[in-house]
Amino acid sequence: MSDGTVKVTAEAHVRIGQLNGALGSFNDLINQIVSHGTALTDPNVWAGPAASAFANTIWPEVQSQLGALQGSLGQLQGQVAGILNNITQAGSGLPLGGLPQLGSLPVVGSLPVGGL
């Protein structure tokens, strides 16, 4: 709003809380993917040409991209938590510390999983 007024509806408050929860769940899912993918790099678990390609070429790139994604999601989750905190403080009449700066999230490239 151009006059400096901030409008925060109950729905906005709920949706921000839900977004923060979803980001946490997504982080848990990424941890599971990393765990399963790493297990598949063990030749005692999976061996052969496709397993070697996965362990030596595909998985290191995917794991790197998932790490970058997790970092970005962690930053976003922190920003969302800050926004929710500011909304809560605004509703209580406490002074705000200012909204966190929303930066751009890095682009995570395409995952090279084709051909397995």
Protein backbone atom coordinates (compact mmCIF):
# COMPACT_ATOMS: atom_id res chain seq x y z
CA MET A 1 0.00 0.00 0.00
CA SER A 2 1.43 3.37 -0.98
CA ASP A 3 0.77 5.15 2.34
CA GLY A 4 2.97 2.76 4.33
CA THR A 5 0.04 0.78 5.70
CA VAL A 6 0.61 -2.95 5.85
CA LYS A 7 -2.38 -5.23 5.46
CA VAL A 8 -2.07 -8.69 6.96
CA THR A 9 -5.11 -10.90 6.95
CA ALA A 10 -5.63 -13.98 9.08
CA GLU A 11 -5.29 -15.98 5.86
CA ALA A 12 -1.85 -14.45 5.20
CA HIS A 13 -0.76 -15.42 8.70
CA VAL A 14 -2.03 -18.98 8.24
CA ARG A 15 -0.51 -19.33 4.75
CA ILE A 16 2.90 -18.11 5.90
CA GLY A 17 2.82 -20.67 8.71
CA GLN A 18 1.83 -23.37 6.23
CA LEU A 19 4.60 -22.33 3.84
CA ASN A 20 7.13 -22.54 6.63
CA GLY A 21 5.87 -26.01 7.56
CA ALA A 22 5.98 -27.17 3.94
CA LEU A 23 9.56 -25.92 3.60
CA GLY A 24 10.52 -28.00 6.65
CA SER A 25 8.80 -31.05 5.18
CA PHE A 26 10.55 -30.51 1.84
CA ASN A 27 13.89 -30.30 3.63
CA ASP A 28 13.14 -33.64 5.31
CA LEU A 29 12.31 -35.13 1.90
CA ILE A 30 15.61 -33.89 0.45
CA ASN A 31 17.43 -35.52 3.39
CA GLN A 32 15.70 -38.81 2.54
CA ILE A 33 16.65 -38.50 -1.14
CA VAL A 34 20.27 -37.84 -0.19
CA SER A 35 20.28 -40.83 2.14
CA HIS A 36 18.85 -43.18 -0.50
CA GLY A 37 21.05 -41.83 -3.28
CA THR A 38 24.17 -42.14 -1.17
CA ALA A 39 23.28 -45.73 -0.26
CA LEU A 40 23.04 -46.53 -3.97
CA THR A 41 26.66 -45.46 -4.48
CA ASP A 42 27.85 -48.39 -2.35
CA PRO A 43 28.99 -51.22 -4.68
CA ASN A 44 27.81 -53.71 -2.04
CA VAL A 45 24.30 -52.36 -2.62
CA TRP A 46 24.34 -51.79 -6.39
CA ALA A 47 27.00 -52.71 -8.93
CA GLY A 48 27.32 -52.68 -12.70
CA PRO A 49 27.75 -50.12 -15.47
CA ALA A 50 24.64 -48.11 -14.60
CA ALA A 51 25.58 -48.19 -10.91
CA SER A 52 29.08 -46.92 -11.73
CA ALA A 53 27.69 -44.12 -13.88
CA PHE A 54 25.30 -43.19 -11.09
CA ALA A 55 27.95 -43.29 -8.35
CA ASN A 56 30.72 -41.53 -10.28
CA THR A 57 28.91 -39.04 -12.49
CA ILE A 58 25.22 -38.61 -11.82
CA TRP A 59 24.98 -38.75 -8.03
CA PRO A 60 27.79 -36.28 -7.23
CA GLU A 61 26.12 -33.65 -9.44
CA VAL A 62 22.65 -34.37 -8.09
CA GLN A 63 23.90 -34.34 -4.51
CA SER A 64 25.61 -30.98 -5.10
CA GLN A 65 22.42 -29.52 -6.58
CA LEU A 66 20.32 -30.87 -3.71
CA GLY A 67 22.76 -29.27 -1.25
CA ALA A 68 22.42 -25.92 -3.01
CA LEU A 69 18.64 -26.29 -3.01
CA GLN A 70 18.65 -27.11 0.69
CA GLY A 71 20.71 -24.01 1.40
CA SER A 72 18.30 -21.85 -0.58
CA LEU A 73 15.28 -23.40 1.12
CA GLY A 74 16.91 -22.86 4.50
CA GLN A 75 17.36 -19.18 3.69
CA LEU A 76 13.77 -18.92 2.51
CA GLN A 77 12.53 -20.71 5.62
CA GLY A 78 14.44 -18.23 7.79
CA GLN A 79 12.96 -15.32 5.87
CA VAL A 80 9.44 -16.75 6.13
CA ALA A 81 9.90 -17.32 9.87
CA GLY A 82 11.04 -13.69 10.20
CA ILE A 83 8.01 -12.46 8.30
CA LEU A 84 5.70 -14.54 10.49
CA ASN A 85 7.44 -13.17 13.57
CA ASN A 86 7.01 -9.59 12.31
CA ILE A 87 3.34 -10.20 11.59
CA THR A 88 2.87 -11.62 15.07
CA GLN A 89 4.70 -8.66 16.64
CA ALA A 90 2.66 -6.20 14.58
CA GLY A 91 -0.52 -7.83 15.84
CA SER A 92 0.68 -7.57 19.43
CA GLY A 93 1.64 -3.90 19.16
CA LEU A 94 5.36 -4.59 19.74
CA PRO A 95 7.91 -2.68 17.63
CA LEU A 96 9.11 -4.40 14.49
CA GLY A 97 12.73 -5.05 13.71
CA GLY A 98 11.99 -4.66 10.03
CA LEU A 99 11.20 -7.30 7.48
CA PRO A 100 14.07 -9.50 6.33
CA GLN A 101 15.54 -8.74 2.94
CA LEU A 102 14.22 -11.18 0.40
CA GLY A 103 17.09 -12.11 -1.88
CA SER A 104 16.93 -14.14 -5.00
CA LEU A 105 17.33 -17.88 -4.69
CA PRO A 106 20.02 -19.48 -6.85
CA VAL A 107 18.86 -21.46 -9.83
CA VAL A 108 19.49 -25.15 -9.45
CA GLY A 109 20.29 -26.73 -12.82
CA SER A 110 18.53 -29.68 -14.34
CA LEU A 111 19.26 -33.00 -12.71
CA PRO A 112 21.13 -35.42 -15.00
CA VAL A 113 19.09 -38.51 -14.19
CA GLY A 114 18.12 -39.57 -17.71
CA GLY A 115 19.36 -42.86 -19.06
CA LEU A 116 19.35 -44.87 -15.84
